[in-house]
PDB file of N, CA and C in Angstrom:
ATOM      1  N   GLN A   1      80.883 115.852 -14.284  1.00  0.00           N
ATOM      2  CA  GLN A   1      80.941 116.019 -13.471  1.00  0.00           C
ATOM      3  C   GLN A   1      82.166 115.742 -12.331  1.00  0.00           C
ATOM      4  N   VAL A   2      82.192 116.208 -11.346  1.00  0.00           N
ATOM      5  CA  VAL A   2      82.943 115.880 -10.067  1.00  0.00           C
ATOM      6  C   VAL A   2      82.568 115.416  -8.826  1.00  0.00           C
ATOM      7  N   GLN A   3      82.677 114.396  -8.293  1.00  0.00           N
ATOM      8  CA  GLN A   3      82.197 114.338  -6.687  1.00  0.00           C
ATOM      9  C   GLN A   3      83.554 114.700  -6.263  1.00  0.00           C
ATOM     10  N   LEU A   4      83.100 115.192  -4.657  1.00  0.00           N
ATOM     11  CA  LEU A   4      84.045 115.595  -3.538  1.00  0.00           C
ATOM     12  C   LEU A   4      83.952 114.610  -2.150  1.00  0.00           C
ATOM     13  N   VAL A   5      84.632 114.066  -2.040  1.00  0.00           N
ATOM     14  CA  VAL A   5      84.907 114.277  -0.304  1.00  0.00           C
ATOM     15  C   VAL A   5      85.331 114.408   0.420  1.00  0.00           C
ATOM     16  N   GLU A   6      85.123 115.050   1.424  1.00  0.00           N
ATOM     17  CA  GLU A   6      85.938 115.656   2.877  1.00  0.00           C
ATOM     18  C   GLU A   6      86.615 114.136   3.629  1.00  0.00           C
ATOM     19  N   SER A   7      87.727 114.341   4.118  1.00  0.00           N
ATOM     20  CA  SER A   7      88.252 114.512   5.862  1.00  0.00           C
ATOM     21  C   SER A   7      88.736 114.466   6.085  1.00  0.00           C
ATOM     22  N   GLY A   8      89.419 114.348   7.352  1.00  0.00           N
ATOM     23  CA  GLY A   8      90.579 115.571   8.189  1.00  0.00           C
ATOM     24  C   GLY A   8      89.870 116.143   9.574  1.00  0.00           C
ATOM     25  N   GLY A   9      88.803 115.647   9.526  1.00  0.00           N
ATOM     26  CA  GLY A   9      88.561 116.437  10.226  1.00  0.00           C
ATOM     27  C   GLY A   9      88.709 116.537  12.088  1.00  0.00           C
ATOM     28  N   GLY A  10      88.312 116.980  13.204  1.00  0.00           N
ATOM     29  CA  GLY A  10      88.680 115.984  14.409  1.00  0.00           C
ATOM     30  C   GLY A  10      88.071 117.330  15.289  1.00  0.00           C
ATOM     31  N   LEU A  11      88.577 116.481  16.832  1.00  0.00           N
ATOM     32  CA  LEU A  11      88.515 117.439  17.829  1.00  0.00           C
ATOM     33  C   LEU A  11      89.634 117.835  17.807  1.00  0.00           C
ATOM     34  N   VAL A  12      90.563 119.047  19.048  1.00  0.00           N
ATOM     35  CA  VAL A  12      92.187 119.021  18.565  1.00  0.00           C
ATOM     36  C   VAL A  12      91.590 120.023  19.497  1.00  0.00           C
ATOM     37  N   GLN A  13      92.639 120.932  20.275  1.00  0.00           N
ATOM     38  CA  GLN A  13      92.941 121.606  21.108  1.00  0.00           C
ATOM     39  C   GLN A  13      93.835 123.156  20.801  1.00  0.00           C
ATOM     40  N   ALA A  14      93.058 124.055  21.588  1.00  0.00           N
ATOM     41  CA  ALA A  14      93.517 125.703  21.019  1.00  0.00           C
ATOM     42  C   ALA A  14      95.000 125.578  20.613  1.00  0.00           C
ATOM     43  N   GLY A  15      95.745 125.742  19.361  1.00  0.00           N
ATOM     44  CA  GLY A  15      97.123 126.539  18.763  1.00  0.00           C
ATOM     45  C   GLY A  15      97.430 124.022  18.163  1.00  0.00           C
ATOM     46  N   GLY A  16      96.268 123.711  18.707  1.00  0.00           N
ATOM     47  CA  GLY A  16      96.686 122.288  17.307  1.00  0.00           C
ATOM     48  C   GLY A  16      96.999 123.132  16.233  1.00  0.00           C
ATOM     49  N   SER A  17      97.054 121.373  15.293  1.00  0.00           N
ATOM     50  CA  SER A  17      96.866 121.440  13.756  1.00  0.00           C
ATOM     51  C   SER A  17      95.954 120.177  13.559  1.00  0.00           C
ATOM     52  N   LEU A  18      94.991 120.359  12.143  1.00  0.00           N
ATOM     53  CA  LEU A  18      95.103 119.787  11.804  1.00  0.00           C
ATOM     54  C   LEU A  18      95.393 119.452   9.604  1.00  0.00           C
ATOM     55  N   ARG A  19      94.679 118.323   9.707  1.00  0.00           N
ATOM     56  CA  ARG A  19      94.611 118.992   7.853  1.00  0.00           C
ATOM     57  C   ARG A  19      93.680 117.787   7.428  1.00  0.00           C
ATOM     58  N   LEU A  20      92.836 118.947   6.634  1.00  0.00           N
ATOM     59  CA  LEU A  20      92.258 118.032   5.922  1.00  0.00           C
ATOM     60  C   LEU A  20      92.247 117.817   4.211  1.00  0.00           C
ATOM     61  N   SER A  21      91.197 117.280   4.104  1.00  0.00           N
ATOM     62  CA  SER A  21      91.911 116.847   2.629  1.00  0.00           C
ATOM     63  C   SER A  21      90.762 116.861   1.792  1.00  0.00           C
ATOM     64  N   CYS A  22      90.490 116.582   0.408  1.00  0.00           N
ATOM     65  CA  CYS A  22      89.439 116.720  -0.584  1.00  0.00           C
ATOM     66  C   CYS A  22      89.831 115.548  -1.566  1.00  0.00           C
ATOM     67  N   ALA A  23      89.509 114.993  -1.611  1.00  0.00           N
ATOM     68  CA  ALA A  23      89.518 113.160  -2.944  1.00  0.00           C
ATOM     69  C   ALA A  23      87.768 113.725  -3.245  1.00  0.00           C
ATOM     70  N   ALA A  24      88.491 114.507  -4.677  1.00  0.00           N
ATOM     71  CA  ALA A  24      87.966 113.943  -6.123  1.00  0.00           C
ATOM     72  C   ALA A  24      88.142 113.486  -7.121  1.00  0.00           C
ATOM     73  N   SER A  25      86.399 113.122  -7.304  1.00  0.00           N
ATOM     74  CA  SER A  25      86.689 111.597  -8.954  1.00  0.00           C
ATOM     75  C   SER A  25      85.115 112.045  -9.740  1.00  0.00           C
ATOM     76  N   GLY A  26      85.527 111.103 -10.706  1.00  0.00           N
ATOM     77  CA  GLY A  26      84.798 112.108 -11.028  1.00  0.00           C
ATOM     78  C   GLY A  26      84.966 112.496 -13.018  1.00  0.00           C
ATOM     79  N   ARG A  27      85.763 113.714 -13.007  1.00  0.00           N
ATOM     80  CA  ARG A  27      86.036 114.116 -13.958  1.00  0.00           C
ATOM     81  C   ARG A  27      87.805 114.739 -13.526  1.00  0.00           C
ATOM     82  N   THR A  28      88.657 115.241 -14.486  1.00  0.00           N
ATOM     83  CA  THR A  28      89.547 115.582 -13.767  1.00  0.00           C
ATOM     84  C   THR A  28      90.647 116.827 -13.729  1.00  0.00           C
ATOM     85  N   PHE A  29      90.685 116.804 -11.948  1.00  0.00           N
ATOM     86  CA  PHE A  29      90.572 117.664 -11.132  1.00  0.00           C
ATOM     87  C   PHE A  29      91.107 118.845 -11.221  1.00  0.00           C
ATOM     88  N   SER A  30      92.450 118.635 -12.793  1.00  0.00           N
ATOM     89  CA  SER A  30      92.949 119.721 -12.747  1.00  0.00           C
ATOM     90  C   SER A  30      92.394 120.684 -13.545  1.00  0.00           C
ATOM     91  N   SER A  31      91.061 120.424 -14.282  1.00  0.00           N
ATOM     92  CA  SER A  31      90.356 121.773 -14.554  1.00  0.00           C
ATOM     93  C   SER A  31      89.560 122.408 -13.907  1.00  0.00           C
ATOM     94  N   TYR A  32      89.357 122.221 -12.119  1.00  0.00           N
ATOM     95  CA  TYR A  32      89.077 122.579 -11.697  1.00  0.00           C
ATOM     96  C   TYR A  32      89.560 123.434 -10.404  1.00  0.00           C
ATOM     97  N   ALA A  33      89.124 124.802 -10.328  1.00  0.00           N
ATOM     98  CA  ALA A  33      89.480 125.412  -8.875  1.00  0.00           C
ATOM     99  C   ALA A  33      88.505 125.300  -8.285  1.00  0.00           C
ATOM    100  N   MET A  34      89.757 125.384  -6.932  1.00  0.00           N
ATOM    101  CA  MET A  34      88.687 124.601  -5.401  1.00  0.00           C
ATOM    102  C   MET A  34      88.528 126.104  -4.544  1.00  0.00           C
ATOM    103  N   GLY A  35      87.675 125.608  -3.482  1.00  0.00           N
ATOM    104  CA  GLY A  35      87.761 126.730  -2.365  1.00  0.00           C
ATOM    105  C   GLY A  35      87.074 125.453  -1.664  1.00  0.00           C
ATOM    106  N   TRP A  36      87.328 126.290  -0.165  1.00  0.00           N
ATOM    107  CA  TRP A  36      87.244 126.405   1.087  1.00  0.00           C
ATOM    108  C   TRP A  36      86.117 126.740   2.047  1.00  0.00           C
ATOM    109  N   PHE A  37      85.309 126.240   2.256  1.00  0.00           N
ATOM    110  CA  PHE A  37      84.301 127.217   3.167  1.00  0.00           C
ATOM    111  C   PHE A  37      83.740 126.707   3.954  1.00  0.00           C
ATOM    112  N   ARG A  38      84.049 127.423   5.486  1.00  0.00           N
ATOM    113  CA  ARG A  38      82.974 126.567   6.289  1.00  0.00           C
ATOM    114  C   ARG A  38      81.681 127.563   7.361  1.00  0.00           C
ATOM    115  N   GLN A  39      80.986 126.682   7.975  1.00  0.00           N
ATOM    116  CA  GLN A  39      79.957 127.144   8.592  1.00  0.00           C
ATOM    117  C   GLN A  39      80.108 126.588   9.972  1.00  0.00           C
ATOM    118  N   GLY A  40      80.014 128.091  11.014  1.00  0.00           N
ATOM    119  CA  GLY A  40      80.180 127.182  12.196  1.00  0.00           C
ATOM    120  C   GLY A  40      78.978 127.561  13.072  1.00  0.00           C
ATOM    121  N   PRO A  41      79.064 126.926  14.554  1.00  0.00           N
ATOM    122  CA  PRO A  41      77.203 126.491  15.091  1.00  0.00           C
ATOM    123  C   PRO A  41      76.540 127.985  14.800  1.00  0.00           C
ATOM    124  N   GLY A  42      75.443 127.939  14.302  1.00  0.00           N
ATOM    125  CA  GLY A  42      74.537 129.230  14.427  1.00  0.00           C
ATOM    126  C   GLY A  42      75.130 130.591  13.292  1.00  0.00           C
ATOM    127  N   LYS A  43      76.088 130.236  12.442  1.00  0.00           N
ATOM    128  CA  LYS A  43      76.231 130.916  11.551  1.00  0.00           C
ATOM    129  C   LYS A  43      75.806 130.431  10.110  1.00  0.00           C
ATOM    130  N   GLU A  44      76.081 131.453   9.085  1.00  0.00           N
ATOM    131  CA  GLU A  44      75.910 131.550   7.488  1.00  0.00           C
ATOM    132  C   GLU A  44      78.020 130.767   7.026  1.00  0.00           C
ATOM    133  N   ARG A  45      76.977 129.620   6.089  1.00  0.00           N
ATOM    134  CA  ARG A  45      78.722 129.324   5.867  1.00  0.00           C
ATOM    135  C   ARG A  45      79.929 130.656   5.335  1.00  0.00           C
ATOM    136  N   GLU A  46      81.120 130.722   4.889  1.00  0.00           N
ATOM    137  CA  GLU A  46      81.572 131.002   4.922  1.00  0.00           C
ATOM    138  C   GLU A  46      83.152 131.009   4.097  1.00  0.00           C
ATOM    139  N   PHE A  47      83.539 132.073   4.072  1.00  0.00           N
ATOM    140  CA  PHE A  47      84.805 131.500   2.900  1.00  0.00           C
ATOM    141  C   PHE A  47      86.304 131.499   3.291  1.00  0.00           C
ATOM    142  N   VAL A  48      86.999 130.664   3.291  1.00  0.00           N
ATOM    143  CA  VAL A  48      87.983 130.457   3.809  1.00  0.00           C
ATOM    144  C   VAL A  48      89.133 130.562   2.975  1.00  0.00           C
ATOM    145  N   ALA A  49      89.199 129.540   2.153  1.00  0.00           N
ATOM    146  CA  ALA A  49      90.058 129.922   0.853  1.00  0.00           C
ATOM    147  C   ALA A  49      89.815 129.323  -0.202  1.00  0.00           C
ATOM    148  N   ALA A  50      90.451 130.061  -0.695  1.00  0.00           N
ATOM    149  CA  ALA A  50      90.474 129.174  -2.826  1.00  0.00           C
ATOM    150  C   ALA A  50      92.003 128.884  -3.254  1.00  0.00           C
ATOM    151  N   MET A  51      91.808 128.017  -4.281  1.00  0.00           N
ATOM    152  CA  MET A  51      93.153 128.255  -5.096  1.00  0.00           C
ATOM    153  C   MET A  51      92.768 128.091  -6.803  1.00  0.00           C
ATOM    154  N   SER A  52      93.655 128.368  -7.316  1.00  0.00           N
ATOM    155  CA  SER A  52      92.819 128.183  -9.067  1.00  0.00           C
ATOM    156  C   SER A  52      93.505 126.686  -9.460  1.00  0.00           C
ATOM    157  N   ALA A  53      92.780 126.330 -10.993  1.00  0.00           N
ATOM    158  CA  ALA A  53      93.000 125.417 -11.318  1.00  0.00           C
ATOM    159  C   ALA A  53      94.972 124.915 -11.194  1.00  0.00           C
ATOM    160  N   SER A  54      95.227 126.102 -11.504  1.00  0.00           N
ATOM    161  CA  SER A  54      96.373 125.911 -12.279  1.00  0.00           C
ATOM    162  C   SER A  54      97.164 125.017 -10.646  1.00  0.00           C
ATOM    163  N   GLY A  55      96.405 125.698  -9.789  1.00  0.00           N
ATOM    164  CA  GLY A  55      97.726 126.018  -8.257  1.00  0.00           C
ATOM    165  C   GLY A  55      98.629 126.975  -7.816  1.00  0.00           C
ATOM    166  N   ARG A  56      99.261 127.479  -8.949  1.00  0.00           N
ATOM    167  CA  ARG A  56      99.405 128.650  -8.959  1.00  0.00           C
ATOM    168  C   ARG A  56      99.386 130.307  -8.204  1.00  0.00           C
ATOM    169  N   THR A  57      97.478 130.115  -8.215  1.00  0.00           N
ATOM    170  CA  THR A  57      97.246 131.230  -7.072  1.00  0.00           C
ATOM    171  C   THR A  57      96.305 131.112  -5.871  1.00  0.00           C
ATOM    172  N   THR A  58      96.105 131.682  -4.977  1.00  0.00           N
ATOM    173  CA  THR A  58      95.820 130.911  -3.941  1.00  0.00           C
ATOM    174  C   THR A  58      94.897 132.970  -3.294  1.00  0.00           C
ATOM    175  N   VAL A  59      94.032 132.560  -1.913  1.00  0.00           N
ATOM    176  CA  VAL A  59      93.145 133.684  -1.855  1.00  0.00           C
ATOM    177  C   VAL A  59      92.723 133.131  -0.285  1.00  0.00           C
ATOM    178  N   TYR A  60      92.970 133.762   0.608  1.00  0.00           N
ATOM    179  CA  TYR A  60      93.154 133.719   1.776  1.00  0.00           C
ATOM    180  C   TYR A  60      91.785 134.170   2.427  1.00  0.00           C
ATOM    181  N   ALA A  61      90.680 134.426   3.043  1.00  0.00           N
ATOM    182  CA  ALA A  61      89.779 135.050   4.351  1.00  0.00           C
ATOM    183  C   ALA A  61      90.979 135.816   5.371  1.00  0.00           C
ATOM    184  N   ASP A  62      90.997 136.810   5.389  1.00  0.00           N
ATOM    185  CA  ASP A  62      91.451 137.939   6.428  1.00  0.00           C
ATOM    186  C   ASP A  62      91.696 136.590   7.878  1.00  0.00           C
ATOM    187  N   SER A  63      90.559 136.278   8.200  1.00  0.00           N
ATOM    188  CA  SER A  63      90.730 135.420   9.509  1.00  0.00           C
ATOM    189  C   SER A  63      91.510 134.222   9.489  1.00  0.00           C
ATOM    190  N   VAL A  64      92.169 134.053   8.379  1.00  0.00           N
ATOM    191  CA  VAL A  64      92.404 132.599   8.660  1.00  0.00           C
ATOM    192  C   VAL A  64      94.751 132.579   8.062  1.00  0.00           C
ATOM    193  N   LYS A  65      94.222 133.632   7.794  1.00  0.00           N
ATOM    194  CA  LYS A  65      94.771 134.160   6.658  1.00  0.00           C
ATOM    195  C   LYS A  65      97.041 134.343   8.069  1.00  0.00           C
ATOM    196  N   GLY A  66      97.850 133.256   7.265  1.00  0.00           N
ATOM    197  CA  GLY A  66      99.188 133.239   8.044  1.00  0.00           C
ATOM    198  C   GLY A  66      98.926 131.558   9.348  1.00  0.00           C
ATOM    199  N   ARG A  67      97.362 131.452   8.917  1.00  0.00           N
ATOM    200  CA  ARG A  67      97.462 129.742   9.706  1.00  0.00           C
ATOM    201  C   ARG A  67      97.132 128.717   8.772  1.00  0.00           C
ATOM    202  N   PHE A  68      96.527 129.049   7.884  1.00  0.00           N
ATOM    203  CA  PHE A  68      95.852 127.816   6.733  1.00  0.00           C
ATOM    204  C   PHE A  68      96.631 127.896   5.842  1.00  0.00           C
ATOM    205  N   THR A  69      97.084 127.049   5.338  1.00  0.00           N
ATOM    206  CA  THR A  69      97.303 126.788   3.710  1.00  0.00           C
ATOM    207  C   THR A  69      96.669 125.884   2.867  1.00  0.00           C
ATOM    208  N   ILE A  70      95.837 126.288   1.472  1.00  0.00           N
ATOM    209  CA  ILE A  70      95.468 125.656   0.822  1.00  0.00           C
ATOM    210  C   ILE A  70      96.312 124.693  -0.186  1.00  0.00           C
ATOM    211  N   SER A  71      96.211 124.001  -0.767  1.00  0.00           N
ATOM    212  CA  SER A  71      97.442 122.914  -1.341  1.00  0.00           C
ATOM    213  C   SER A  71      96.682 122.168  -2.426  1.00  0.00           C
ATOM    214  N   ARG A  72      97.062 121.621  -3.144  1.00  0.00           N
ATOM    215  CA  ARG A  72      96.400 120.916  -4.246  1.00  0.00           C
ATOM    216  C   ARG A  72      97.490 119.515  -5.425  1.00  0.00           C
ATOM    217  N   ASP A  73      96.842 118.858  -5.434  1.00  0.00           N
ATOM    218  CA  ASP A  73      97.582 117.596  -5.907  1.00  0.00           C
ATOM    219  C   ASP A  73      97.369 117.087  -6.998  1.00  0.00           C
ATOM    220  N   ASN A  74      97.583 117.839  -7.685  1.00  0.00           N
ATOM    221  CA  ASN A  74      96.688 117.440  -9.321  1.00  0.00           C
ATOM    222  C   ASN A  74      96.935 115.510  -9.665  1.00  0.00           C
ATOM    223  N   ALA A  75      97.811 115.476 -10.227  1.00  0.00           N
ATOM    224  CA  ALA A  75      98.505 114.331 -10.131  1.00  0.00           C
ATOM    225  C   ALA A  75      97.076 113.481  -8.998  1.00  0.00           C
ATOM    226  N   LYS A  76      97.276 113.427  -8.180  1.00  0.00           N
ATOM    227  CA  LYS A  76      96.427 112.739  -6.875  1.00  0.00           C
ATOM    228  C   LYS A  76      95.091 112.951  -7.277  1.00  0.00           C
ATOM    229  N   ASN A  77      94.489 114.167  -8.023  1.00  0.00           N
ATOM    230  CA  ASN A  77      93.156 114.225  -7.511  1.00  0.00           C
ATOM    231  C   ASN A  77      92.614 114.751  -6.128  1.00  0.00           C
ATOM    232  N   THR A  78      93.620 115.484  -5.267  1.00  0.00           N
ATOM    233  CA  THR A  78      93.077 115.678  -4.174  1.00  0.00           C
ATOM    234  C   THR A  78      93.784 117.724  -3.742  1.00  0.00           C
ATOM    235  N   GLY A  79      92.430 117.935  -3.304  1.00  0.00           N
ATOM    236  CA  GLY A  79      92.897 119.644  -2.326  1.00  0.00           C
ATOM    237  C   GLY A  79      93.076 119.252  -0.762  1.00  0.00           C
ATOM    238  N   ASN A  80      93.716 119.988  -0.106  1.00  0.00           N
ATOM    239  CA  ASN A  80      93.778 120.221   1.278  1.00  0.00           C
ATOM    240  C   ASN A  80      94.084 121.811   2.153  1.00  0.00           C
ATOM    241  N   LEU A  81      93.504 120.826   2.769  1.00  0.00           N
ATOM    242  CA  LEU A  81      94.064 122.836   3.980  1.00  0.00           C
ATOM    243  C   LEU A  81      94.455 122.080   5.037  1.00  0.00           C
ATOM    244  N   GLN A  82      95.335 123.101   4.981  1.00  0.00           N
ATOM    245  CA  GLN A  82      96.872 122.963   6.276  1.00  0.00           C
ATOM    246  C   GLN A  82      95.940 123.704   7.380  1.00  0.00           C
ATOM    247  N   LEU A  83      95.306 123.568   8.474  1.00  0.00           N
ATOM    248  CA  LEU A  83      95.231 124.171   9.772  1.00  0.00           C
ATOM    249  C   LEU A  83      95.842 124.392  10.823  1.00  0.00           C
ATOM    250  N   ASN A  84      96.642 125.601  10.485  1.00  0.00           N
ATOM    251  CA  ASN A  84      97.390 125.879  12.586  1.00  0.00           C
ATOM    252  C   ASN A  84      96.948 126.869  13.000  1.00  0.00           C
ATOM    253  N   SER A  85      97.367 126.574  14.420  1.00  0.00           N
ATOM    254  CA  SER A  85      97.312 127.795  15.449  1.00  0.00           C
ATOM    255  C   SER A  85      96.006 127.661  15.513  1.00  0.00           C
ATOM    256  N   LEU A  86      94.884 126.537  15.531  1.00  0.00           N
ATOM    257  CA  LEU A  86      93.802 127.160  16.111  1.00  0.00           C
ATOM    258  C   LEU A  86      92.877 127.396  17.277  1.00  0.00           C
ATOM    259  N   LYS A  87      92.262 127.968  17.099  1.00  0.00           N
ATOM    260  CA  LYS A  87      90.977 128.594  17.503  1.00  0.00           C
ATOM    261  C   LYS A  87      89.885 128.734  17.842  1.00  0.00           C
ATOM    262  N   PRO A  88      89.848 128.541  19.200  1.00  0.00           N
ATOM    263  CA  PRO A  88      87.811 128.339  19.295  1.00  0.00           C
ATOM    264  C   PRO A  88      86.997 128.946  17.970  1.00  0.00           C
ATOM    265  N   GLU A  89      87.369 129.391  17.811  1.00  0.00           N
ATOM    266  CA  GLU A  89      86.407 130.111  16.868  1.00  0.00           C
ATOM    267  C   GLU A  89      86.355 129.395  15.574  1.00  0.00           C
ATOM    268  N   ASP A  90      87.429 128.755  14.909  1.00  0.00           N
ATOM    269  CA  ASP A  90      87.350 128.166  13.820  1.00  0.00           C
ATOM    270  C   ASP A  90      86.843 126.375  13.806  1.00  0.00           C
ATOM    271  N   THR A  91      85.813 126.467  14.920  1.00  0.00           N
ATOM    272  CA  THR A  91      84.599 125.576  15.140  1.00  0.00           C
ATOM    273  C   THR A  91      83.728 125.288  13.503  1.00  0.00           C
ATOM    274  N   ALA A  92      83.624 125.179  13.352  1.00  0.00           N
ATOM    275  CA  ALA A  92      82.708 124.336  12.287  1.00  0.00           C
ATOM    276  C   ALA A  92      82.930 123.670  11.251  1.00  0.00           C
ATOM    277  N   VAL A  93      81.982 123.133  10.424  1.00  0.00           N
ATOM    278  CA  VAL A  93      82.351 121.696   9.386  1.00  0.00           C
ATOM    279  C   VAL A  93      82.432 123.004   7.830  1.00  0.00           C
ATOM    280  N   TYR A  94      83.372 122.357   8.353  1.00  0.00           N
ATOM    281  CA  TYR A  94      84.489 122.656   6.340  1.00  0.00           C
ATOM    282  C   TYR A  94      84.091 121.843   5.285  1.00  0.00           C
ATOM    283  N   TYR A  95      83.803 122.267   4.786  1.00  0.00           N
ATOM    284  CA  TYR A  95      83.008 122.132   3.078  1.00  0.00           C
ATOM    285  C   TYR A  95      84.325 122.604   2.284  1.00  0.00           C
ATOM    286  N   CYS A  96      84.641 121.184   1.497  1.00  0.00           N
ATOM    287  CA  CYS A  96      85.496 121.945  -0.277  1.00  0.00           C
ATOM    288  C   CYS A  96      84.636 122.010  -1.735  1.00  0.00           C
ATOM    289  N   ALA A  97      84.790 123.016  -2.172  1.00  0.00           N
ATOM    290  CA  ALA A  97      84.221 123.063  -3.517  1.00  0.00           C
ATOM    291  C   ALA A  97      84.830 123.186  -4.506  1.00  0.00           C
ATOM    292  N   ALA A  98      84.116 122.850  -5.654  1.00  0.00           N
ATOM    293  CA  ALA A  98      84.609 122.600  -7.308  1.00  0.00           C
ATOM    294  C   ALA A  98      84.351 123.432  -8.073  1.00  0.00           C
ATOM    295  N   ARG A  99      85.102 124.000  -9.572  1.00  0.00           N
ATOM    296  CA  ARG A  99      84.212 124.553 -10.233  1.00  0.00           C
ATOM    297  C   ARG A  99      84.704 124.778 -11.397  1.00  0.00           C
ATOM    298  N   ARG A 100      84.237 124.418 -12.551  1.00  0.00           N
ATOM    299  CA  ARG A 100      85.121 123.585 -13.580  1.00  0.00           C
ATOM    300  C   ARG A 100      85.449 125.560 -14.015  1.00  0.00           C
ATOM    301  N   VAL A 101      86.745 125.559 -14.307  1.00  0.00           N
ATOM    302  CA  VAL A 101      87.782 126.242 -15.292  1.00  0.00           C
ATOM    303  C   VAL A 101      87.386 126.188 -16.859  1.00  0.00           C
ATOM    304  N   LEU A 102      87.293 126.754 -17.371  1.00  0.00           N
ATOM    305  CA  LEU A 102      86.881 126.483 -19.400  1.00  0.00           C
ATOM    306  C   LEU A 102      88.087 127.752 -19.728  1.00  0.00           C
ATOM    307  N   VAL A 103      88.550 128.902 -19.043  1.00  0.00           N
ATOM    308  CA  VAL A 103      89.576 129.493 -19.934  1.00  0.00           C
ATOM    309  C   VAL A 103      90.987 129.524 -19.285  1.00  0.00           C
ATOM    310  N   ASN A 104      90.725 130.489 -18.211  1.00  0.00           N
ATOM    311  CA  ASN A 104      91.790 130.438 -17.093  1.00  0.00           C
ATOM    312  C   ASN A 104      92.382 130.532 -16.415  1.00  0.00           C
ATOM    313  N   ALA A 105      92.809 129.115 -16.195  1.00  0.00           N
ATOM    314  CA  ALA A 105      93.688 128.277 -15.185  1.00  0.00           C
ATOM    315  C   ALA A 105      94.388 129.146 -13.623  1.00  0.00           C
ATOM    316  N   ASP A 106      94.547 130.708 -14.198  1.00  0.00           N
ATOM    317  CA  ASP A 106      94.792 131.231 -12.818  1.00  0.00           C
ATOM    318  C   ASP A 106      93.839 131.235 -12.129  1.00  0.00           C
ATOM    319  N   SER A 107      92.631 131.345 -12.776  1.00  0.00           N
ATOM    320  CA  SER A 107      91.634 132.464 -11.711  1.00  0.00           C
ATOM    321  C   SER A 107      90.862 131.449 -10.224  1.00  0.00           C
ATOM    322  N   TYR A 108      90.990 132.241  -9.129  1.00  0.00           N
ATOM    323  CA  TYR A 108      90.292 131.237  -8.318  1.00  0.00           C
ATOM    324  C   TYR A 108      88.900 132.081  -7.372  1.00  0.00           C
ATOM    325  N   TYR A 109      87.865 131.550  -6.953  1.00  0.00           N
ATOM    326  CA  TYR A 109      87.105 132.201  -6.480  1.00  0.00           C
ATOM    327  C   TYR A 109      87.159 131.904  -5.472  1.00  0.00           C
ATOM    328  N   SER A 110      86.132 132.496  -4.648  1.00  0.00           N
ATOM    329  CA  SER A 110      86.235 133.276  -2.782  1.00  0.00           C
ATOM    330  C   SER A 110      84.359 133.145  -2.998  1.00  0.00           C
ATOM    331  N   THR A 111      82.992 134.385  -3.524  1.00  0.00           N
ATOM    332  CA  THR A 111      82.284 133.224  -4.178  1.00  0.00           C
ATOM    333  C   THR A 111      81.557 132.189  -3.645  1.00  0.00           C
ATOM    334  N   GLU A 112      80.802 131.744  -2.741  1.00  0.00           N
ATOM    335  CA  GLU A 112      79.885 130.431  -2.592  1.00  0.00           C
ATOM    336  C   GLU A 112      79.360 130.282  -4.144  1.00  0.00           C
ATOM    337  N   SER A 113      78.268 130.923  -4.408  1.00  0.00           N
ATOM    338  CA  SER A 113      77.824 130.798  -5.118  1.00  0.00           C
ATOM    339  C   SER A 113      78.484 130.510  -6.727  1.00  0.00           C
ATOM    340  N   LEU A 114      79.493 130.956  -7.002  1.00  0.00           N
ATOM    341  CA  LEU A 114      80.518 130.372  -8.366  1.00  0.00           C
ATOM    342  C   LEU A 114      80.688 129.446  -8.067  1.00  0.00           C
ATOM    343  N   TYR A 115      80.967 128.328  -7.651  1.00  0.00           N
ATOM    344  CA  TYR A 115      81.272 127.042  -7.392  1.00  0.00           C
ATOM    345  C   TYR A 115      80.127 126.227  -7.252  1.00  0.00           C
ATOM    346  N   ASN A 116      80.185 124.693  -8.100  1.00  0.00           N
ATOM    347  CA  ASN A 116      78.780 124.260  -8.977  1.00  0.00           C
ATOM    348  C   ASN A 116      78.819 122.825  -7.682  1.00  0.00           C
ATOM    349  N   TYR A 117      79.816 122.433  -7.320  1.00  0.00           N
ATOM    350  CA  TYR A 117      79.938 120.822  -6.533  1.00  0.00           C
ATOM    351  C   TYR A 117      80.951 121.163  -5.570  1.00  0.00           C
ATOM    352  N   TRP A 118      79.850 120.492  -4.386  1.00  0.00           N
ATOM    353  CA  TRP A 118      80.483 120.835  -3.459  1.00  0.00           C
ATOM    354  C   TRP A 118      80.704 118.953  -2.440  1.00  0.00           C
ATOM    355  N   GLY A 119      81.285 119.143  -1.348  1.00  0.00           N
ATOM    356  CA  GLY A 119      81.344 117.668  -0.820  1.00  0.00           C
ATOM    357  C   GLY A 119      80.522 117.738   0.636  1.00  0.00           C
ATOM    358  N   GLN A 120      80.114 116.817   1.252  1.00  0.00           N
ATOM    359  CA  GLN A 120      79.372 116.591   2.016  1.00  0.00           C
ATOM    360  C   GLN A 120      80.240 117.763   3.722  1.00  0.00           C
ATOM    361  N   GLY A 121      81.132 117.710   3.405  1.00  0.00           N
ATOM    362  CA  GLY A 121      81.927 118.352   4.875  1.00  0.00           C
ATOM    363  C   GLY A 121      82.567 117.583   5.891  1.00  0.00           C
ATOM    364  N   THR A 122      82.966 117.772   6.414  1.00  0.00           N
ATOM    365  CA  THR A 122      84.253 117.670   7.692  1.00  0.00           C
ATOM    366  C   THR A 122      83.845 118.609   8.565  1.00  0.00           C
ATOM    367  N   GLN A 123      84.078 117.636   9.968  1.00  0.00           N
ATOM    368  CA  GLN A 123      83.726 118.782  11.439  1.00  0.00           C
ATOM    369  C   GLN A 123      85.164 118.969  12.062  1.00  0.00           C
ATOM    370  N   VAL A 124      84.891 120.610  12.488  1.00  0.00           N
ATOM    371  CA  VAL A 124      86.233 120.576  13.161  1.00  0.00           C
ATOM    372  C   VAL A 124      85.940 121.555  14.318  1.00  0.00           C
ATOM    373  N   THR A 125      86.161 120.697  15.217  1.00  0.00           N
ATOM    374  CA  THR A 125      86.242 120.682  16.873  1.00  0.00           C
ATOM    375  C   THR A 125      87.079 121.930  17.416  1.00  0.00           C
ATOM    376  N   VAL A 126      87.229 122.832  17.796  1.00  0.00           N
ATOM    377  CA  VAL A 126      88.650 123.544  18.650  1.00  0.00           C
ATOM    378  C   VAL A 126      88.337 123.807  20.121  1.00  0.00           C
ATOM    379  N   SER A 127      88.396 122.797  20.933  1.00  0.00           N
ATOM    380  CA  SER A 127      88.333 122.954  22.370  1.00  0.00           C
ATOM    381  C   SER A 127      89.439 124.425  22.625  1.00  0.00           C
ATOM    382  N   SER A 128      88.805 125.266  24.016  1.00  0.00           N
ATOM    383  CA  SER A 128      89.897 126.258  24.566  1.00  0.00           C
ATOM    384  C   SER A 128      90.395 125.890  25.669  1.00  0.00           C
TER     385      SER A 128
END
């Protein structure tokens, strides 16, 4: 198993930036594809971004494309999500997720149900 802990959330003005981190422990992080999801007030959890275990492939939700960047450092067992040009509608609890990859290290996943491991979430609040 792998344990995930997010950090880096906070309160920021519209147009500002934040960098979220996801620290993984318990297993070799390089064997896991990772994803970021978020849940806004009164909304269902939604996909934000995902990256393959290899780090070579990524995918983003249309709502964040060009503003958010997903990255990972397998040597440090960490994943990151850089949030730029933040908008009030980005306000949400952001979750890091991981899925063990057995065959294709370049696979990424945007479907919530495909992830086995989740962090506790970190709050991002964007004021207008």
